[in-house]
Amino acid sequence: MALGVLKITENDFWGMTPRVFFNAINAYIKQREQDIHISWEQARFIAVGLVNCFAKKPIKNTDFVRFPWENEVADPDEAKKQFDYWVKRFERIDRRYGRN
């Protein structure tokens, strides 16, 4: 895995539309951010393991340190609405084209 550099050839670059280019950049940024999150979570896991070796009462990872990206709470009503929307849409497609 190449860290720190988005690797594309010159031909790939000139063959991209601006939208494709920015999609590639955004995907790269998201991947880097995810890599950083994983590194921090691994460090927390190790630290909690060491602390729990000597603690009388074990603690959870999130009780030890809570990261900013863990505070995002998904709205269950919104998730249900999106699920229902896609179920209806696929049912409509199934009725229209059938399963062959």
Protein backbone atom coordinates (compact mmCIF):
# COMPACT_ATOMS: atom_id res chain seq x y z
CA MET A 1 0.00 0.00 0.00
CA ALA A 2 1.41 3.36 -1.00
CA LEU A 3 1.16 5.80 1.86
CA GLY A 4 1.30 9.52 1.36
CA VAL A 5 1.13 9.66 -2.42
CA LEU A 6 -1.73 9.24 -4.85
CA LYS A 7 -0.15 7.30 -7.69
CA ILE A 8 -1.60 7.88 -11.14
CA THR A 9 0.23 7.95 -14.43
CA GLU A 10 0.34 11.02 -16.61
CA ASN A 11 -1.84 9.30 -19.22
CA ASP A 12 -4.38 8.41 -16.54
CA PHE A 13 -4.38 12.01 -15.33
CA TRP A 14 -4.95 13.50 -18.78
CA GLY A 15 -7.62 10.89 -19.51
CA MET A 16 -9.68 11.85 -16.45
CA THR A 17 -12.55 14.25 -16.44
CA PRO A 18 -12.52 16.76 -13.57
CA ARG A 19 -15.28 14.80 -11.86
CA VAL A 20 -13.35 11.51 -12.05
CA PHE A 21 -10.20 13.25 -10.83
CA PHE A 22 -11.92 14.77 -7.81
CA ASN A 23 -13.64 11.47 -7.05
CA ALA A 24 -10.20 9.81 -7.02
CA ILE A 25 -8.82 12.54 -4.75
CA ASN A 26 -11.78 12.27 -2.36
CA ALA A 27 -11.47 8.47 -2.22
CA TYR A 28 -7.75 8.81 -1.49
CA ILE A 29 -8.39 11.33 1.31
CA LYS A 30 -11.08 9.09 2.81
CA GLN A 31 -8.73 6.08 2.70
CA ARG A 32 -5.94 8.04 4.42
CA GLU A 33 -8.37 9.21 7.10
CA GLN A 34 -9.53 5.63 7.65
CA ASP A 35 -5.90 4.46 7.94
CA ILE A 36 -5.27 7.08 10.64
CA HIS A 37 -8.41 6.04 12.53
CA ILE A 38 -7.34 2.40 12.44
CA SER A 39 -3.88 3.30 13.79
CA TRP A 40 -5.37 5.22 16.72
CA GLU A 41 -7.84 2.45 17.48
CA GLN A 42 -5.05 -0.14 17.47
CA ALA A 43 -3.04 2.00 19.91
CA ARG A 44 -6.08 2.32 22.17
CA PHE A 45 -6.69 -1.44 22.02
CA ILE A 46 -3.12 -2.12 23.15
CA ALA A 47 -3.30 0.49 25.92
CA VAL A 48 -6.59 -0.88 27.25
CA GLY A 49 -5.15 -4.38 27.21
CA LEU A 50 -2.20 -3.25 29.31
CA VAL A 51 -4.39 -1.30 31.75
CA ASN A 52 -6.81 -4.22 32.13
CA CYS A 53 -3.93 -6.49 33.13
CA PHE A 54 -3.54 -4.47 36.33
CA ALA A 55 -7.06 -3.15 36.89
CA LYS A 56 -9.45 -4.73 39.37
CA LYS A 57 -12.41 -3.91 37.16
CA PRO A 58 -11.89 -4.19 33.38
CA ILE A 59 -12.66 -1.14 31.26
CA LYS A 60 -13.96 -0.89 27.72
CA ASN A 61 -12.07 0.73 24.88
CA THR A 62 -14.55 3.59 24.63
CA ASP A 63 -14.38 4.21 28.40
CA PHE A 64 -10.61 4.62 28.14
CA VAL A 65 -10.59 7.08 25.22
CA ARG A 66 -13.43 8.18 22.96
CA PHE A 67 -12.38 9.51 19.58
CA PRO A 68 -14.24 12.33 17.80
CA TRP A 69 -15.31 10.06 14.94
CA GLU A 70 -17.04 7.72 17.39
CA ASN A 71 -19.43 10.42 18.59
CA GLU A 72 -21.33 10.41 15.33
CA VAL A 73 -24.70 8.86 16.06
CA ALA A 74 -26.71 7.67 13.10
CA ASP A 75 -30.36 8.62 13.06
CA PRO A 76 -32.29 5.31 13.11
CA ASP A 77 -35.38 6.94 11.60
CA GLU A 78 -33.36 8.20 8.63
CA ALA A 79 -31.81 4.76 8.12
CA LYS A 80 -35.30 3.18 8.15
CA LYS A 81 -36.56 5.73 5.61
CA GLN A 82 -33.62 5.03 3.31
CA PHE A 83 -34.10 1.28 3.65
CA ASP A 84 -37.82 1.55 2.86
CA TYR A 85 -37.08 3.79 -0.13
CA TRP A 86 -34.66 1.24 -1.63
CA VAL A 87 -36.98 -1.70 -0.94
CA LYS A 88 -39.82 0.07 -2.75
CA ARG A 89 -37.54 1.02 -5.60
CA PHE A 90 -36.26 -2.54 -6.09
CA GLU A 91 -39.80 -3.92 -5.87
CA ARG A 92 -40.87 -1.49 -8.58
CA ILE A 93 -37.93 -2.56 -10.76
CA ASP A 94 -38.75 -6.23 -10.11
CA ARG A 95 -42.38 -5.72 -11.13
CA ARG A 96 -41.35 -3.83 -14.22
CA TYR A 97 -38.63 -6.13 -15.49
CA GLY A 98 -39.21 -9.36 -13.57
CA ARG A 99 -36.59 -11.89 -12.62
CA ASN A 100 -35.18 -13.78 -15.57
